[in-house]
Amino acid sequence: MKCIHCRGEMKRGHTPFHADRRGCHVTLDAVPAWVCRQCGEAYFEEREVDTIQKLIGAIEQEIRALAPTA
């Protein structure tokens, strides 16, 4: 697989992921991903994307419970 940014070779590995949602900061230290050996760009497969989206959705639901909007 080639990187779409630099055309470098992609290798299976791990990479950090960070997201900011509704005043909450989520950091995952080592998410499985394809990582470019040349520029470091990371690509997540569908399974990892689905898991991250579920995690963020659960966090957002808890945040709404803490501070419901009027």
PDB file of N, CA and C in Angstrom:
ATOM      1  N   MET A   1       0.845  -1.170   0.000  1.00  0.00           N
ATOM      2  CA  MET A   1       0.000   0.000   0.000  1.00  0.00           C
ATOM      3  C   MET A   1       0.895   1.238   0.000  1.00  0.00           C
ATOM      4  N   LYS A   2       0.486   2.269  -0.742  1.00  0.00           N
ATOM      5  CA  LYS A   2       1.252   3.515  -0.831  1.00  0.00           C
ATOM      6  C   LYS A   2       0.514   4.647  -0.120  1.00  0.00           C
ATOM      7  N   CYS A   3       1.255   5.531   0.506  1.00  0.00           N
ATOM      8  CA  CYS A   3       0.715   6.719   1.168  1.00  0.00           C
ATOM      9  C   CYS A   3       0.166   7.673   0.118  1.00  0.00           C
ATOM     10  N   ILE A   4      -1.026   8.219   0.351  1.00  0.00           N
ATOM     11  CA  ILE A   4      -1.593   9.153  -0.633  1.00  0.00           C
ATOM     12  C   ILE A   4      -0.916  10.527  -0.569  1.00  0.00           C
ATOM     13  N   HIS A   5      -0.204  10.812   0.512  1.00  0.00           N
ATOM     14  CA  HIS A   5       0.464  12.112   0.637  1.00  0.00           C
ATOM     15  C   HIS A   5       1.838  12.137  -0.035  1.00  0.00           C
ATOM     16  N   CYS A   6       2.661  11.114   0.255  1.00  0.00           N
ATOM     17  CA  CYS A   6       4.045  11.160  -0.235  1.00  0.00           C
ATOM     18  C   CYS A   6       4.413   9.950  -1.107  1.00  0.00           C
ATOM     19  N   ARG A   7       3.477   9.019  -1.251  1.00  0.00           N
ATOM     20  CA  ARG A   7       3.693   7.792  -2.026  1.00  0.00           C
ATOM     21  C   ARG A   7       4.687   6.841  -1.355  1.00  0.00           C
ATOM     22  N   GLY A   8       4.979   7.068  -0.060  1.00  0.00           N
ATOM     23  CA  GLY A   8       5.854   6.169   0.683  1.00  0.00           C
ATOM     24  C   GLY A   8       5.163   4.846   0.967  1.00  0.00           C
ATOM     25  N   GLU A   9       5.921   3.890   1.449  1.00  0.00           N
ATOM     26  CA  GLU A   9       5.403   2.553   1.754  1.00  0.00           C
ATOM     27  C   GLU A   9       4.716   2.558   3.116  1.00  0.00           C
ATOM     28  N   MET A  10       3.531   1.942   3.173  1.00  0.00           N
ATOM     29  CA  MET A  10       2.772   1.849   4.418  1.00  0.00           C
ATOM     30  C   MET A  10       3.125   0.546   5.124  1.00  0.00           C
ATOM     31  N   LYS A  11       3.201   0.602   6.457  1.00  0.00           N
ATOM     32  CA  LYS A  11       3.515  -0.569   7.269  1.00  0.00           C
ATOM     33  C   LYS A  11       2.500  -0.641   8.404  1.00  0.00           C
ATOM     34  N   ARG A  12       2.072  -1.844   8.737  1.00  0.00           N
ATOM     35  CA  ARG A  12       1.127  -2.022   9.838  1.00  0.00           C
ATOM     36  C   ARG A  12       1.842  -1.725  11.146  1.00  0.00           C
ATOM     37  N   GLY A  13       1.210  -0.916  12.002  1.00  0.00           N
ATOM     38  CA  GLY A  13       1.798  -0.550  13.276  1.00  0.00           C
ATOM     39  C   GLY A  13       0.747   0.053  14.190  1.00  0.00           C
ATOM     40  N   HIS A  14       1.175   0.974  15.029  1.00  0.00           N
ATOM     41  CA  HIS A  14       0.287   1.665  15.956  1.00  0.00           C
ATOM     42  C   HIS A  14       0.591   3.161  15.912  1.00  0.00           C
ATOM     43  N   THR A  15      -0.436   3.962  16.207  1.00  0.00           N
ATOM     44  CA  THR A  15      -0.260   5.408  16.215  1.00  0.00           C
ATOM     45  C   THR A  15      -1.192   6.013  17.255  1.00  0.00           C
ATOM     46  N   PRO A  16      -0.842   7.167  17.799  1.00  0.00           N
ATOM     47  CA  PRO A  16      -1.760   7.817  18.732  1.00  0.00           C
ATOM     48  C   PRO A  16      -2.944   8.442  17.989  1.00  0.00           C
ATOM     49  N   PHE A  17      -4.041   8.650  18.712  1.00  0.00           N
ATOM     50  CA  PHE A  17      -5.220   9.314  18.166  1.00  0.00           C
ATOM     51  C   PHE A  17      -5.704  10.305  19.200  1.00  0.00           C
ATOM     52  N   HIS A  18      -6.063  11.517  18.747  1.00  0.00           N
ATOM     53  CA  HIS A  18      -6.545  12.556  19.661  1.00  0.00           C
ATOM     54  C   HIS A  18      -7.773  13.213  19.060  1.00  0.00           C
ATOM     55  N   ALA A  19      -8.782  13.451  19.906  1.00  0.00           N
ATOM     56  CA  ALA A  19      -9.997  14.141  19.457  1.00  0.00           C
ATOM     57  C   ALA A  19     -10.475  15.070  20.566  1.00  0.00           C
ATOM     58  N   ASP A  20     -11.031  16.208  20.178  1.00  0.00           N
ATOM     59  CA  ASP A  20     -11.644  17.158  21.106  1.00  0.00           C
ATOM     60  C   ASP A  20     -13.127  17.235  20.780  1.00  0.00           C
ATOM     61  N   ARG A  21     -13.975  16.933  21.752  1.00  0.00           N
ATOM     62  CA  ARG A  21     -15.421  16.971  21.557  1.00  0.00           C
ATOM     63  C   ARG A  21     -16.088  17.591  22.770  1.00  0.00           C
ATOM     64  N   ARG A  22     -16.879  18.644  22.549  1.00  0.00           N
ATOM     65  CA  ARG A  22     -17.687  19.254  23.610  1.00  0.00           C
ATOM     66  C   ARG A  22     -16.872  19.512  24.875  1.00  0.00           C
ATOM     67  N   GLY A  23     -15.688  20.035  24.722  1.00  0.00           N
ATOM     68  CA  GLY A  23     -14.847  20.357  25.868  1.00  0.00           C
ATOM     69  C   GLY A  23     -14.149  19.160  26.497  1.00  0.00           C
ATOM     70  N   CYS A  24     -14.221  18.014  25.856  1.00  0.00           N
ATOM     71  CA  CYS A  24     -13.577  16.806  26.362  1.00  0.00           C
ATOM     72  C   CYS A  24     -12.438  16.426  25.423  1.00  0.00           C
ATOM     73  N   HIS A  25     -11.316  16.027  25.990  1.00  0.00           N
ATOM     74  CA  HIS A  25     -10.154  15.638  25.200  1.00  0.00           C
ATOM     75  C   HIS A  25      -9.941  14.130  25.339  1.00  0.00           C
ATOM     76  N   VAL A  26      -9.952  13.431  24.212  1.00  0.00           N
ATOM     77  CA  VAL A  26      -9.771  11.983  24.196  1.00  0.00           C
ATOM     78  C   VAL A  26      -8.428  11.678  23.536  1.00  0.00           C
ATOM     79  N   THR A  27      -7.584  10.930  24.227  1.00  0.00           N
ATOM     80  CA  THR A  27      -6.302  10.527  23.668  1.00  0.00           C
ATOM     81  C   THR A  27      -6.155   9.016  23.814  1.00  0.00           C
ATOM     82  N   LEU A  28      -5.906   8.375  22.691  1.00  0.00           N
ATOM     83  CA  LEU A  28      -5.611   6.946  22.674  1.00  0.00           C
ATOM     84  C   LEU A  28      -4.149   6.820  22.275  1.00  0.00           C
ATOM     85  N   ASP A  29      -3.369   6.148  23.072  1.00  0.00           N
ATOM     86  CA  ASP A  29      -1.921   6.124  22.862  1.00  0.00           C
ATOM     87  C   ASP A  29      -1.452   5.251  21.697  1.00  0.00           C
ATOM     88  N   ALA A  30      -2.116   4.132  21.450  1.00  0.00           N
ATOM     89  CA  ALA A  30      -1.603   3.193  20.446  1.00  0.00           C
ATOM     90  C   ALA A  30      -2.761   2.480  19.740  1.00  0.00           C
ATOM     91  N   VAL A  31      -3.253   3.086  18.665  1.00  0.00           N
ATOM     92  CA  VAL A  31      -4.341   2.508  17.880  1.00  0.00           C
ATOM     93  C   VAL A  31      -3.727   1.792  16.671  1.00  0.00           C
ATOM     94  N   PRO A  32      -4.159   0.557  16.396  1.00  0.00           N
ATOM     95  CA  PRO A  32      -3.647  -0.129  15.206  1.00  0.00           C
ATOM     96  C   PRO A  32      -3.954   0.682  13.939  1.00  0.00           C
ATOM     97  N   ALA A  33      -2.977   0.778  13.053  1.00  0.00           N
ATOM     98  CA  ALA A  33      -3.134   1.579  11.833  1.00  0.00           C
ATOM     99  C   ALA A  33      -2.070   1.195  10.819  1.00  0.00           C
ATOM    100  N   TRP A  34      -2.290   1.659   9.599  1.00  0.00           N
ATOM    101  CA  TRP A  34      -1.244   1.618   8.576  1.00  0.00           C
ATOM    102  C   TRP A  34      -0.494   2.942   8.702  1.00  0.00           C
ATOM    103  N   VAL A  35       0.819   2.877   8.857  1.00  0.00           N
ATOM    104  CA  VAL A  35       1.635   4.076   9.075  1.00  0.00           C
ATOM    105  C   VAL A  35       2.682   4.175   7.969  1.00  0.00           C
ATOM    106  N   CYS A  36       2.788   5.355   7.368  1.00  0.00           N
ATOM    107  CA  CYS A  36       3.759   5.573   6.301  1.00  0.00           C
ATOM    108  C   CYS A  36       5.168   5.587   6.883  1.00  0.00           C
ATOM    109  N   ARG A  37       6.051   4.818   6.285  1.00  0.00           N
ATOM    110  CA  ARG A  37       7.447   4.767   6.726  1.00  0.00           C
ATOM    111  C   ARG A  37       8.188   6.061   6.406  1.00  0.00           C
ATOM    112  N   GLN A  38       7.703   6.803   5.421  1.00  0.00           N
ATOM    113  CA  GLN A  38       8.398   8.004   4.979  1.00  0.00           C
ATOM    114  C   GLN A  38       7.936   9.264   5.719  1.00  0.00           C
ATOM    115  N   CYS A  39       6.606   9.512   5.763  1.00  0.00           N
ATOM    116  CA  CYS A  39       6.113  10.767   6.343  1.00  0.00           C
ATOM    117  C   CYS A  39       5.364  10.589   7.662  1.00  0.00           C
ATOM    118  N   GLY A  40       5.036   9.335   8.030  1.00  0.00           N
ATOM    119  CA  GLY A  40       4.362   9.081   9.300  1.00  0.00           C
ATOM    120  C   GLY A  40       2.849   9.202   9.265  1.00  0.00           C
ATOM    121  N   GLU A  41       2.283   9.510   8.107  1.00  0.00           N
ATOM    122  CA  GLU A  41       0.822   9.604   7.986  1.00  0.00           C
ATOM    123  C   GLU A  41       0.200   8.261   8.360  1.00  0.00           C
ATOM    124  N   ALA A  42      -0.930   8.305   9.102  1.00  0.00           N
ATOM    125  CA  ALA A  42      -1.572   7.070   9.552  1.00  0.00           C
ATOM    126  C   ALA A  42      -2.956   6.936   8.930  1.00  0.00           C
ATOM    127  N   TYR A  43      -3.306   5.701   8.617  1.00  0.00           N
ATOM    128  CA  TYR A  43      -4.626   5.380   8.083  1.00  0.00           C
ATOM    129  C   TYR A  43      -5.225   4.269   8.931  1.00  0.00           C
ATOM    130  N   PHE A  44      -6.464   4.487   9.380  1.00  0.00           N
ATOM    131  CA  PHE A  44      -7.158   3.490  10.193  1.00  0.00           C
ATOM    132  C   PHE A  44      -8.065   2.648   9.315  1.00  0.00           C
ATOM    133  N   GLU A  45      -8.170   1.372   9.645  1.00  0.00           N
ATOM    134  CA  GLU A  45      -9.106   0.495   8.951  1.00  0.00           C
ATOM    135  C   GLU A  45     -10.497   0.687   9.562  1.00  0.00           C
ATOM    136  N   GLU A  46     -11.507   0.158   8.884  1.00  0.00           N
ATOM    137  CA  GLU A  46     -12.905   0.359   9.280  1.00  0.00           C
ATOM    138  C   GLU A  46     -13.172  -0.068  10.719  1.00  0.00           C
ATOM    139  N   ARG A  47     -12.602  -1.173  11.131  1.00  0.00           N
ATOM    140  CA  ARG A  47     -12.824  -1.669  12.497  1.00  0.00           C
ATOM    141  C   ARG A  47     -12.381  -0.647  13.538  1.00  0.00           C
ATOM    142  N   GLU A  48     -11.206  -0.070  13.350  1.00  0.00           N
ATOM    143  CA  GLU A  48     -10.695   0.913  14.301  1.00  0.00           C
ATOM    144  C   GLU A  48     -11.535   2.192  14.267  1.00  0.00           C
ATOM    145  N   VAL A  49     -11.930   2.623  13.074  1.00  0.00           N
ATOM    146  CA  VAL A  49     -12.766   3.823  12.947  1.00  0.00           C
ATOM    147  C   VAL A  49     -14.089   3.608  13.676  1.00  0.00           C
ATOM    148  N   ASP A  50     -14.721   2.462  13.475  1.00  0.00           N
ATOM    149  CA  ASP A  50     -15.992   2.162  14.143  1.00  0.00           C
ATOM    150  C   ASP A  50     -15.834   2.177  15.662  1.00  0.00           C
ATOM    151  N   THR A  51     -14.769   1.585  16.153  1.00  0.00           N
ATOM    152  CA  THR A  51     -14.532   1.544  17.596  1.00  0.00           C
ATOM    153  C   THR A  51     -14.308   2.938  18.158  1.00  0.00           C
ATOM    154  N   ILE A  52     -13.523   3.753  17.478  1.00  0.00           N
ATOM    155  CA  ILE A  52     -13.278   5.128  17.920  1.00  0.00           C
ATOM    156  C   ILE A  52     -14.582   5.917  17.924  1.00  0.00           C
ATOM    157  N   GLN A  53     -15.401   5.782  16.885  1.00  0.00           N
ATOM    158  CA  GLN A  53     -16.673   6.503  16.818  1.00  0.00           C
ATOM    159  C   GLN A  53     -17.615   6.082  17.943  1.00  0.00           C
ATOM    160  N   LYS A  54     -17.665   4.796  18.266  1.00  0.00           N
ATOM    161  CA  LYS A  54     -18.496   4.327  19.376  1.00  0.00           C
ATOM    162  C   LYS A  54     -18.010   4.903  20.697  1.00  0.00           C
ATOM    163  N   LEU A  55     -16.703   4.916  20.895  1.00  0.00           N
ATOM    164  CA  LEU A  55     -16.124   5.463  22.119  1.00  0.00           C
ATOM    165  C   LEU A  55     -16.469   6.937  22.267  1.00  0.00           C
ATOM    166  N   ILE A  56     -16.281   7.713  21.215  1.00  0.00           N
ATOM    167  CA  ILE A  56     -16.579   9.143  21.268  1.00  0.00           C
ATOM    168  C   ILE A  56     -18.080   9.367  21.468  1.00  0.00           C
ATOM    169  N   GLY A  57     -18.917   8.560  20.812  1.00  0.00           N
ATOM    170  CA  GLY A  57     -20.361   8.670  21.002  1.00  0.00           C
ATOM    171  C   GLY A  57     -20.769   8.435  22.451  1.00  0.00           C
ATOM    172  N   ALA A  58     -20.176   7.426  23.091  1.00  0.00           N
ATOM    173  CA  ALA A  58     -20.474   7.130  24.495  1.00  0.00           C
ATOM    174  C   ALA A  58     -20.030   8.276  25.395  1.00  0.00           C
ATOM    175  N   ILE A  59     -18.879   8.841  25.112  1.00  0.00           N
ATOM    176  CA  ILE A  59     -18.384   9.972  25.901  1.00  0.00           C
ATOM    177  C   ILE A  59     -19.309  11.175  25.729  1.00  0.00           C
ATOM    178  N   GLU A  60     -19.724  11.465  24.494  1.00  0.00           N
ATOM    179  CA  GLU A  60     -20.625  12.594  24.250  1.00  0.00           C
ATOM    180  C   GLU A  60     -21.955  12.400  24.979  1.00  0.00           C
ATOM    181  N   GLN A  61     -22.452  11.174  25.022  1.00  0.00           N
ATOM    182  CA  GLN A  61     -23.698  10.896  25.734  1.00  0.00           C
ATOM    183  C   GLN A  61     -23.538  11.177  27.223  1.00  0.00           C
ATOM    184  N   GLU A  62     -22.422  10.778  27.809  1.00  0.00           N
ATOM    185  CA  GLU A  62     -22.171  11.048  29.217  1.00  0.00           C
ATOM    186  C   GLU A  62     -22.015  12.542  29.485  1.00  0.00           C
ATOM    187  N   ILE A  63     -21.389  13.251  28.568  1.00  0.00           N
ATOM    188  CA  ILE A  63     -21.220  14.696  28.719  1.00  0.00           C
ATOM    189  C   ILE A  63     -22.592  15.375  28.716  1.00  0.00           C
ATOM    190  N   ARG A  64     -23.500  14.953  27.814  1.00  0.00           N
ATOM    191  CA  ARG A  64     -24.852  15.524  27.763  1.00  0.00           C
ATOM    192  C   ARG A  64     -25.584  15.285  29.081  1.00  0.00           C
ATOM    193  N   ALA A  65     -25.350  14.132  29.709  1.00  0.00           N
ATOM    194  CA  ALA A  65     -25.981  13.832  30.984  1.00  0.00           C
ATOM    195  C   ALA A  65     -25.456  14.745  32.096  1.00  0.00           C
ATOM    196  N   LEU A  66     -24.195  15.141  32.007  1.00  0.00           N
ATOM    197  CA  LEU A  66     -23.603  16.037  32.995  1.00  0.00           C
ATOM    198  C   LEU A  66     -24.089  17.474  32.847  1.00  0.00           C
ATOM    199  N   ALA A  67     -24.238  17.915  31.614  1.00  0.00           N
ATOM    200  CA  ALA A  67     -24.589  19.316  31.352  1.00  0.00           C
ATOM    201  C   ALA A  67     -25.667  19.376  30.266  1.00  0.00           C
ATOM    202  N   PRO A  68     -26.915  19.007  30.630  1.00  0.00           N
ATOM    203  CA  PRO A  68     -27.987  19.042  29.619  1.00  0.00           C
ATOM    204  C   PRO A  68     -28.208  20.466  29.113  1.00  0.00           C
ATOM    205  N   THR A  69     -28.520  20.566  27.830  1.00  0.00           N
ATOM    206  CA  THR A  69     -28.776  21.884  27.240  1.00  0.00           C
ATOM    207  C   THR A  69     -30.205  22.303  27.551  1.00  0.00           C
ATOM    208  N   ALA A  70     -30.414  23.587  27.619  1.00  0.00           N
ATOM    209  CA  ALA A  70     -31.751  24.122  27.938  1.00  0.00           C
ATOM    210  C   ALA A  70     -32.659  24.103  26.741  1.00  0.00           C
TER     211      ALA A  70
END
